[in-house]
């Protein structure tokens, strides 16, 4: 029997990068997968259908609580439960604090932190109504623990995400709901690779930040997500797991 047979997995930002890799592995392991993203990517859906039979897309801007609530309701209406939630959608900023437009600060926090709060709020409500409970995995970052120039909004949101994860884990431990977070290093996602092609100076710099001297792959993060979502991690909640190629030990 596959690890997630008859389980329902809800993944934000599932069209590409880490989110898509998680969705692909979940489907391969038997889960019914719901991708929540701003707009539909038919290629992502077609790729998923090669891995699993029960795939659904729902349009959702995670910065809007009514859309998040509706997406969770659509998931439960379609598949009858919500067993796994992966809050992955995120954006980044690129200006120093003294020059940062207020609108940029608000936009990043609204997606990266508020969006996770909205997701967990409605995910937990549903999971508390299920005898089986559920598992939530929030995608943080190495910037949940350290900092870089120009990403004040992003680092703040990712630091906050870890605190939010721990509080949710504490509040729901007796409800059979586990809540954990993962901190990826620099990963070869489409967003990152737009600025870091093979052999570029920026890519070389990013590779040098990791003890393993390379970037991570989305599938490497996805495997850690599946571990935390599975019964293999049944006594694990409130954890922040770096998956960073040794970034934090340098």
C-alpha atoms as a PDB file:
ATOM      1  CA  UNK A   1       0.000   0.000   0.000  1.00  0.00           C
ATOM      2  CA  UNK A   2       1.276   3.466  -0.878  1.00  0.00           C
ATOM      3  CA  UNK A   3       2.146   5.840   1.965  1.00  0.00           C
ATOM      4  CA  UNK A   4      -0.689   8.295   1.331  1.00  0.00           C
ATOM      5  CA  UNK A   5      -3.351   5.997  -0.106  1.00  0.00           C
ATOM      6  CA  UNK A   6      -6.811   7.531   0.510  1.00  0.00           C
ATOM      7  CA  UNK A   7      -5.290  10.686   2.004  1.00  0.00           C
ATOM      8  CA  UNK A   8      -6.255  14.162   0.804  1.00  0.00           C
ATOM      9  CA  UNK A   9      -3.406  16.669   0.399  1.00  0.00           C
ATOM     10  CA  UNK A  10      -3.901  20.426  -0.082  1.00  0.00           C
ATOM     11  CA  UNK A  11      -0.848  22.324  -1.407  1.00  0.00           C
ATOM     12  CA  UNK A  12      -0.565  26.067  -1.979  1.00  0.00           C
ATOM     13  CA  UNK A  13       1.725  27.359  -4.705  1.00  0.00           C
ATOM     14  CA  UNK A  14       1.619  23.957  -6.336  1.00  0.00           C
ATOM     15  CA  UNK A  15       2.095  24.998  -9.958  1.00  0.00           C
ATOM     16  CA  UNK A  16       5.895  24.958  -9.904  1.00  0.00           C
ATOM     17  CA  UNK A  17       9.050  24.598  -7.850  1.00  0.00           C
ATOM     18  CA  UNK A  18       8.806  23.056  -4.402  1.00  0.00           C
ATOM     19  CA  UNK A  19       5.006  23.011  -4.409  1.00  0.00           C
ATOM     20  CA  UNK A  20       4.821  21.072  -7.644  1.00  0.00           C
ATOM     21  CA  UNK A  21       7.499  18.617  -6.485  1.00  0.00           C
ATOM     22  CA  UNK A  22       5.502  17.970  -3.300  1.00  0.00           C
ATOM     23  CA  UNK A  23       2.304  17.485  -5.296  1.00  0.00           C
ATOM     24  CA  UNK A  24       4.018  15.053  -7.677  1.00  0.00           C
ATOM     25  CA  UNK A  25       5.425  12.893  -4.877  1.00  0.00           C
ATOM     26  CA  UNK A  26       2.141  12.985  -2.947  1.00  0.00           C
ATOM     27  CA  UNK A  27       0.257  11.814  -6.025  1.00  0.00           C
ATOM     28  CA  UNK A  28       2.849   9.117  -6.676  1.00  0.00           C
ATOM     29  CA  UNK A  29       2.311   7.888  -3.111  1.00  0.00           C
ATOM     30  CA  UNK A  30      -1.442   7.602  -3.639  1.00  0.00           C
ATOM     31  CA  UNK A  31      -2.787  10.894  -2.292  1.00  0.00           C
ATOM     32  CA  UNK A  32      -5.714  12.814  -3.712  1.00  0.00           C
ATOM     33  CA  UNK A  33      -4.055  16.151  -4.457  1.00  0.00           C
ATOM     34  CA  UNK A  34      -5.528  19.641  -4.530  1.00  0.00           C
ATOM     35  CA  UNK A  35      -3.320  22.405  -5.939  1.00  0.00           C
ATOM     36  CA  UNK A  36      -4.237  25.905  -4.786  1.00  0.00           C
ATOM     37  CA  UNK A  37      -2.589  28.650  -6.807  1.00  0.00           C
ATOM     38  CA  UNK A  38      -3.331  32.084  -8.259  1.00  0.00           C
ATOM     39  CA  UNK A  39      -4.008  30.709 -11.725  1.00  0.00           C
ATOM     40  CA  UNK A  40      -4.277  27.328 -13.357  1.00  0.00           C
ATOM     41  CA  UNK A  41      -1.228  25.840 -15.045  1.00  0.00           C
ATOM     42  CA  UNK A  42      -2.478  23.088 -17.330  1.00  0.00           C
ATOM     43  CA  UNK A  43       1.013  21.668 -17.771  1.00  0.00           C
ATOM     44  CA  UNK A  44       1.328  21.211 -14.014  1.00  0.00           C
ATOM     45  CA  UNK A  45      -2.055  19.467 -13.915  1.00  0.00           C
ATOM     46  CA  UNK A  46      -1.126  17.224 -16.857  1.00  0.00           C
ATOM     47  CA  UNK A  47       2.163  16.298 -15.180  1.00  0.00           C
ATOM     48  CA  UNK A  48       0.324  15.431 -11.977  1.00  0.00           C
ATOM     49  CA  UNK A  49      -2.219  13.303 -13.787  1.00  0.00           C
ATOM     50  CA  UNK A  50       0.645  11.091 -14.936  1.00  0.00           C
ATOM     51  CA  UNK A  51       1.408  10.370 -11.271  1.00  0.00           C
ATOM     52  CA  UNK A  52      -2.069  10.116  -9.756  1.00  0.00           C
ATOM     53  CA  UNK A  53      -5.702   9.811 -10.752  1.00  0.00           C
ATOM     54  CA  UNK A  54      -7.464  12.232  -8.428  1.00  0.00           C
ATOM     55  CA  UNK A  55      -6.094  15.726  -8.959  1.00  0.00           C
ATOM     56  CA  UNK A  56      -7.942  19.005  -8.540  1.00  0.00           C
ATOM     57  CA  UNK A  57      -6.990  22.638  -9.079  1.00  0.00           C
ATOM     58  CA  UNK A  58      -8.580  25.463  -7.131  1.00  0.00           C
ATOM     59  CA  UNK A  59      -7.870  29.138  -7.816  1.00  0.00           C
ATOM     60  CA  UNK A  60      -6.696  30.812  -4.610  1.00  0.00           C
ATOM     61  CA  UNK A  61      -4.845  33.970  -3.637  1.00  0.00           C
ATOM     62  CA  UNK A  62      -3.536  33.031  -0.187  1.00  0.00           C
ATOM     63  CA  UNK A  63      -3.415  36.684   0.860  1.00  0.00           C
ATOM     64  CA  UNK A  64      -7.237  36.766   0.749  1.00  0.00           C
ATOM     65  CA  UNK A  65      -8.852  34.901   3.655  1.00  0.00           C
ATOM     66  CA  UNK A  66     -12.178  34.380   1.897  1.00  0.00           C
ATOM     67  CA  UNK A  67     -10.428  32.645  -1.004  1.00  0.00           C
ATOM     68  CA  UNK A  68      -8.457  30.417   1.362  1.00  0.00           C
ATOM     69  CA  UNK A  69     -11.603  29.453   3.273  1.00  0.00           C
ATOM     70  CA  UNK A  70     -13.364  28.677  -0.019  1.00  0.00           C
ATOM     71  CA  UNK A  71     -10.417  26.588  -1.252  1.00  0.00           C
ATOM     72  CA  UNK A  72     -10.494  24.424   1.880  1.00  0.00           C
ATOM     73  CA  UNK A  73     -14.257  24.035   1.576  1.00  0.00           C
ATOM     74  CA  UNK A  74     -13.881  23.027  -2.087  1.00  0.00           C
ATOM     75  CA  UNK A  75     -11.261  20.431  -1.132  1.00  0.00           C
ATOM     76  CA  UNK A  76     -13.489  18.838   1.490  1.00  0.00           C
ATOM     77  CA  UNK A  77     -16.530  18.934  -0.811  1.00  0.00           C
ATOM     78  CA  UNK A  78     -14.545  17.182  -3.548  1.00  0.00           C
ATOM     79  CA  UNK A  79     -12.761  14.529  -1.494  1.00  0.00           C
ATOM     80  CA  UNK A  80     -14.507  14.360   1.873  1.00  0.00           C
ATOM     81  CA  UNK A  81     -11.625  15.296   4.192  1.00  0.00           C
ATOM     82  CA  UNK A  82      -8.368  17.197   4.592  1.00  0.00           C
ATOM     83  CA  UNK A  83      -5.540  15.026   5.856  1.00  0.00           C
ATOM     84  CA  UNK A  84      -2.425  16.959   4.813  1.00  0.00           C
ATOM     85  CA  UNK A  85      -1.859  20.663   4.194  1.00  0.00           C
ATOM     86  CA  UNK A  86       1.335  22.140   2.797  1.00  0.00           C
ATOM     87  CA  UNK A  87       1.507  25.924   3.024  1.00  0.00           C
ATOM     88  CA  UNK A  88       4.123  26.664   0.411  1.00  0.00           C
ATOM     89  CA  UNK A  89       3.097  29.807  -1.506  1.00  0.00           C
ATOM     90  CA  UNK A  90       5.582  32.634  -1.061  1.00  0.00           C
ATOM     91  CA  UNK A  91       7.188  35.678  -2.652  1.00  0.00           C
ATOM     92  CA  UNK A  92      10.390  37.630  -1.968  1.00  0.00           C
ATOM     93  CA  UNK A  93      11.448  41.298  -1.822  1.00  0.00           C
ATOM     94  CA  UNK A  94      14.664  43.002  -2.874  1.00  0.00           C
ATOM     95  CA  UNK A  95      15.135  46.427  -1.313  1.00  0.00           C
ATOM     96  CA  UNK A  96      16.827  47.646   1.887  1.00  0.00           C
ATOM     97  CA  UNK A  97      14.576  48.631   4.780  1.00  0.00           C
ATOM     98  CA  UNK A  98      15.136  52.383   4.519  1.00  0.00           C
ATOM     99  CA  UNK A  99      14.196  52.300   0.828  1.00  0.00           C
ATOM    100  CA  UNK A 100      11.489  49.641   1.001  1.00  0.00           C
ATOM    101  CA  UNK A 101       8.073  50.819  -0.208  1.00  0.00           C
ATOM    102  CA  UNK A 102       5.367  50.197   2.372  1.00  0.00           C
ATOM    103  CA  UNK A 103       3.393  48.422  -0.344  1.00  0.00           C
ATOM    104  CA  UNK A 104       6.239  45.917  -0.854  1.00  0.00           C
ATOM    105  CA  UNK A 105       6.419  45.182   2.871  1.00  0.00           C
ATOM    106  CA  UNK A 106       2.668  44.613   3.045  1.00  0.00           C
ATOM    107  CA  UNK A 107       2.572  42.487  -0.117  1.00  0.00           C
ATOM    108  CA  UNK A 108       5.254  40.063   1.101  1.00  0.00           C
ATOM    109  CA  UNK A 109       3.842  39.776   4.619  1.00  0.00           C
ATOM    110  CA  UNK A 110       0.330  39.288   3.253  1.00  0.00           C
ATOM    111  CA  UNK A 111       1.394  36.270   1.187  1.00  0.00           C
ATOM    112  CA  UNK A 112       4.156  34.707   3.282  1.00  0.00           C
ATOM    113  CA  UNK A 113       2.815  35.156   6.815  1.00  0.00           C
ATOM    114  CA  UNK A 114      -0.829  36.171   6.671  1.00  0.00           C
ATOM    115  CA  UNK A 115      -1.360  33.574   3.955  1.00  0.00           C
ATOM    116  CA  UNK A 116       0.001  30.838   6.215  1.00  0.00           C
ATOM    117  CA  UNK A 117      -2.168  32.060   9.093  1.00  0.00           C
ATOM    118  CA  UNK A 118      -5.290  32.009   6.899  1.00  0.00           C
ATOM    119  CA  UNK A 119      -4.367  28.562   5.629  1.00  0.00           C
ATOM    120  CA  UNK A 120      -3.806  27.087   9.079  1.00  0.00           C
ATOM    121  CA  UNK A 121      -6.921  28.729  10.503  1.00  0.00           C
ATOM    122  CA  UNK A 122      -9.249  26.956   8.075  1.00  0.00           C
ATOM    123  CA  UNK A 123      -7.152  23.795   7.818  1.00  0.00           C
ATOM    124  CA  UNK A 124      -7.202  23.369  11.594  1.00  0.00           C
ATOM    125  CA  UNK A 125     -10.935  24.010  11.802  1.00  0.00           C
ATOM    126  CA  UNK A 126     -11.498  21.160   9.350  1.00  0.00           C
ATOM    127  CA  UNK A 127      -8.933  18.833  10.924  1.00  0.00           C
ATOM    128  CA  UNK A 128     -10.424  19.356  14.392  1.00  0.00           C
ATOM    129  CA  UNK A 129     -13.732  18.119  12.998  1.00  0.00           C
ATOM    130  CA  UNK A 130     -12.107  14.876  11.821  1.00  0.00           C
ATOM    131  CA  UNK A 131     -11.348  12.000  14.212  1.00  0.00           C
ATOM    132  CA  UNK A 132      -8.203  11.360  12.176  1.00  0.00           C
ATOM    133  CA  UNK A 133      -6.829  14.886  12.731  1.00  0.00           C
ATOM    134  CA  UNK A 134      -4.175  15.766  10.185  1.00  0.00           C
ATOM    135  CA  UNK A 135      -0.675  17.029   9.421  1.00  0.00           C
ATOM    136  CA  UNK A 136       0.364  20.529   8.378  1.00  0.00           C
ATOM    137  CA  UNK A 137       3.770  21.383   6.908  1.00  0.00           C
ATOM    138  CA  UNK A 138       4.716  25.035   6.474  1.00  0.00           C
ATOM    139  CA  UNK A 139       7.509  25.959   4.084  1.00  0.00           C
ATOM    140  CA  UNK A 140       9.836  28.407   5.773  1.00  0.00           C
ATOM    141  CA  UNK A 141      13.389  29.150   4.689  1.00  0.00           C
ATOM    142  CA  UNK A 142      16.954  29.328   5.914  1.00  0.00           C
ATOM    143  CA  UNK A 143      15.915  32.977   6.264  1.00  0.00           C
ATOM    144  CA  UNK A 144      13.691  31.791   9.109  1.00  0.00           C
ATOM    145  CA  UNK A 145      16.914  31.833  11.138  1.00  0.00           C
ATOM    146  CA  UNK A 146      19.387  34.144   9.406  1.00  0.00           C
ATOM    147  CA  UNK A 147      19.282  37.209   7.144  1.00  0.00           C
ATOM    148  CA  UNK A 148      20.500  38.671   3.868  1.00  0.00           C
ATOM    149  CA  UNK A 149      20.621  42.214   2.547  1.00  0.00           C
ATOM    150  CA  UNK A 150      17.426  43.550   1.008  1.00  0.00           C
ATOM    151  CA  UNK A 151      14.950  40.930   2.214  1.00  0.00           C
ATOM    152  CA  UNK A 152      13.556  42.516   5.355  1.00  0.00           C
ATOM    153  CA  UNK A 153       9.971  41.569   4.535  1.00  0.00           C
ATOM    154  CA  UNK A 154      10.854  38.035   3.495  1.00  0.00           C
ATOM    155  CA  UNK A 155      13.068  37.312   6.507  1.00  0.00           C
ATOM    156  CA  UNK A 156      10.472  38.786   8.866  1.00  0.00           C
ATOM    157  CA  UNK A 157       7.723  36.682   7.336  1.00  0.00           C
ATOM    158  CA  UNK A 158       9.781  33.488   7.487  1.00  0.00           C
ATOM    159  CA  UNK A 159      10.914  34.103  11.065  1.00  0.00           C
ATOM    160  CA  UNK A 160       7.265  34.713  11.962  1.00  0.00           C
ATOM    161  CA  UNK A 161       6.172  31.542  10.192  1.00  0.00           C
ATOM    162  CA  UNK A 162       8.278  29.430  12.580  1.00  0.00           C
ATOM    163  CA  UNK A 163       6.705  31.071  15.623  1.00  0.00           C
ATOM    164  CA  UNK A 164       3.243  30.581  14.170  1.00  0.00           C
ATOM    165  CA  UNK A 165       4.043  26.924  13.482  1.00  0.00           C
ATOM    166  CA  UNK A 166       5.115  26.334  17.080  1.00  0.00           C
ATOM    167  CA  UNK A 167       2.014  27.980  18.533  1.00  0.00           C
ATOM    168  CA  UNK A 168      -0.264  25.970  16.237  1.00  0.00           C
ATOM    169  CA  UNK A 169       1.531  22.764  17.239  1.00  0.00           C
ATOM    170  CA  UNK A 170       1.125  23.579  20.924  1.00  0.00           C
ATOM    171  CA  UNK A 171      -2.548  24.428  20.574  1.00  0.00           C
ATOM    172  CA  UNK A 172      -3.416  21.297  18.591  1.00  0.00           C
ATOM    173  CA  UNK A 173      -1.233  18.524  19.979  1.00  0.00           C
ATOM    174  CA  UNK A 174      -4.180  16.975  21.808  1.00  0.00           C
ATOM    175  CA  UNK A 175      -6.306  17.144  18.650  1.00  0.00           C
ATOM    176  CA  UNK A 176      -4.134  14.683  16.702  1.00  0.00           C
ATOM    177  CA  UNK A 177      -2.950  17.550  14.480  1.00  0.00           C
ATOM    178  CA  UNK A 178       0.787  17.851  13.905  1.00  0.00           C
ATOM    179  CA  UNK A 179       2.266  21.130  12.653  1.00  0.00           C
ATOM    180  CA  UNK A 180       5.871  21.410  11.476  1.00  0.00           C
ATOM    181  CA  UNK A 181       8.000  23.673   9.293  1.00  0.00           C
ATOM    182  CA  UNK A 182      10.836  23.108   6.834  1.00  0.00           C
ATOM    183  CA  UNK A 183      13.662  25.551   6.097  1.00  0.00           C
ATOM    184  CA  UNK A 184      14.964  25.065   2.556  1.00  0.00           C
ATOM    185  CA  UNK A 185      18.300  26.445   1.460  1.00  0.00           C
ATOM    186  CA  UNK A 186      18.632  27.930  -2.018  1.00  0.00           C
ATOM    187  CA  UNK A 187      16.675  25.647  -4.334  1.00  0.00           C
ATOM    188  CA  UNK A 188      16.630  25.342  -8.124  1.00  0.00           C
ATOM    189  CA  UNK A 189      13.135  26.720  -8.647  1.00  0.00           C
ATOM    190  CA  UNK A 190      12.014  28.647 -11.749  1.00  0.00           C
ATOM    191  CA  UNK A 191      11.852  31.894  -9.752  1.00  0.00           C
ATOM    192  CA  UNK A 192      15.428  31.559  -8.542  1.00  0.00           C
ATOM    193  CA  UNK A 193      16.857  30.228 -11.793  1.00  0.00           C
ATOM    194  CA  UNK A 194      15.631  33.272 -13.709  1.00  0.00           C
ATOM    195  CA  UNK A 195      18.518  35.084 -12.010  1.00  0.00           C
ATOM    196  CA  UNK A 196      20.936  32.202 -11.508  1.00  0.00           C
ATOM    197  CA  UNK A 197      21.580  30.328 -14.699  1.00  0.00           C
ATOM    198  CA  UNK A 198      24.278  27.657 -14.937  1.00  0.00           C
ATOM    199  CA  UNK A 199      27.703  29.241 -14.565  1.00  0.00           C
ATOM    200  CA  UNK A 200      26.419  32.668 -13.580  1.00  0.00           C
ATOM    201  CA  UNK A 201      28.245  34.695 -10.933  1.00  0.00           C
ATOM    202  CA  UNK A 202      25.103  34.839  -8.783  1.00  0.00           C
ATOM    203  CA  UNK A 203      24.667  31.079  -8.904  1.00  0.00           C
ATOM    204  CA  UNK A 204      28.293  30.530  -7.927  1.00  0.00           C
ATOM    205  CA  UNK A 205      27.800  32.874  -4.979  1.00  0.00           C
ATOM    206  CA  UNK A 206      24.667  31.020  -3.838  1.00  0.00           C
ATOM    207  CA  UNK A 207      26.330  27.634  -4.180  1.00  0.00           C
ATOM    208  CA  UNK A 208      29.230  28.845  -2.037  1.00  0.00           C
ATOM    209  CA  UNK A 209      26.851  29.596   0.845  1.00  0.00           C
ATOM    210  CA  UNK A 210      26.164  25.871   1.332  1.00  0.00           C
ATOM    211  CA  UNK A 211      28.583  23.345   2.820  1.00  0.00           C
ATOM    212  CA  UNK A 212      27.706  20.995  -0.046  1.00  0.00           C
ATOM    213  CA  UNK A 213      28.608  23.746  -2.581  1.00  0.00           C
ATOM    214  CA  UNK A 214      25.520  23.260  -4.697  1.00  0.00           C
ATOM    215  CA  UNK A 215      21.878  24.313  -4.848  1.00  0.00           C
ATOM    216  CA  UNK A 216      19.149  22.001  -3.669  1.00  0.00           C
ATOM    217  CA  UNK A 217      16.532  20.411  -5.889  1.00  0.00           C
ATOM    218  CA  UNK A 218      12.775  20.776  -5.324  1.00  0.00           C
ATOM    219  CA  UNK A 219      12.462  16.993  -4.961  1.00  0.00           C
ATOM    220  CA  UNK A 220      14.906  17.051  -2.034  1.00  0.00           C
ATOM    221  CA  UNK A 221      12.623  19.422  -0.162  1.00  0.00           C
ATOM    222  CA  UNK A 222       9.549  17.464  -1.208  1.00  0.00           C
ATOM    223  CA  UNK A 223      10.931  14.272   0.337  1.00  0.00           C
ATOM    224  CA  UNK A 224      11.350  16.056   3.671  1.00  0.00           C
ATOM    225  CA  UNK A 225       7.791  17.383   3.420  1.00  0.00           C
ATOM    226  CA  UNK A 226       6.461  13.885   2.819  1.00  0.00           C
ATOM    227  CA  UNK A 227       8.352  12.611   5.858  1.00  0.00           C
ATOM    228  CA  UNK A 228       6.809  15.238   8.139  1.00  0.00           C
ATOM    229  CA  UNK A 229       3.356  14.630   6.653  1.00  0.00           C
ATOM    230  CA  UNK A 230       3.597  10.872   7.098  1.00  0.00           C
ATOM    231  CA  UNK A 231       3.184   8.499  10.017  1.00  0.00           C
ATOM    232  CA  UNK A 232       6.975   8.142  10.032  1.00  0.00           C
ATOM    233  CA  UNK A 233       6.926  11.508  11.842  1.00  0.00           C
ATOM    234  CA  UNK A 234       4.036  10.600  14.163  1.00  0.00           C
ATOM    235  CA  UNK A 235       5.802  11.973  17.280  1.00  0.00           C
ATOM    236  CA  UNK A 236       7.100  15.112  15.570  1.00  0.00           C
ATOM    237  CA  UNK A 237       5.297  18.428  16.007  1.00  0.00           C
ATOM    238  CA  UNK A 238       6.382  22.030  16.428  1.00  0.00           C
ATOM    239  CA  UNK A 239       9.692  21.296  14.696  1.00  0.00           C
ATOM    240  CA  UNK A 240      11.662  23.466  12.299  1.00  0.00           C
ATOM    241  CA  UNK A 241      13.707  21.211  10.018  1.00  0.00           C
ATOM    242  CA  UNK A 242      16.465  22.875   7.952  1.00  0.00           C
ATOM    243  CA  UNK A 243      17.009  21.167   4.584  1.00  0.00           C
ATOM    244  CA  UNK A 244      19.776  23.444   3.459  1.00  0.00           C
ATOM    245  CA  UNK A 245      22.864  21.587   2.273  1.00  0.00           C
ATOM    246  CA  UNK A 246      24.740  22.829   5.330  1.00  0.00           C
ATOM    247  CA  UNK A 247      23.995  26.540   4.837  1.00  0.00           C
ATOM    248  CA  UNK A 248      23.451  27.154   8.558  1.00  0.00           C
ATOM    249  CA  UNK A 249      26.612  25.436   9.754  1.00  0.00           C
ATOM    250  CA  UNK A 250      29.032  27.674   7.875  1.00  0.00           C
END
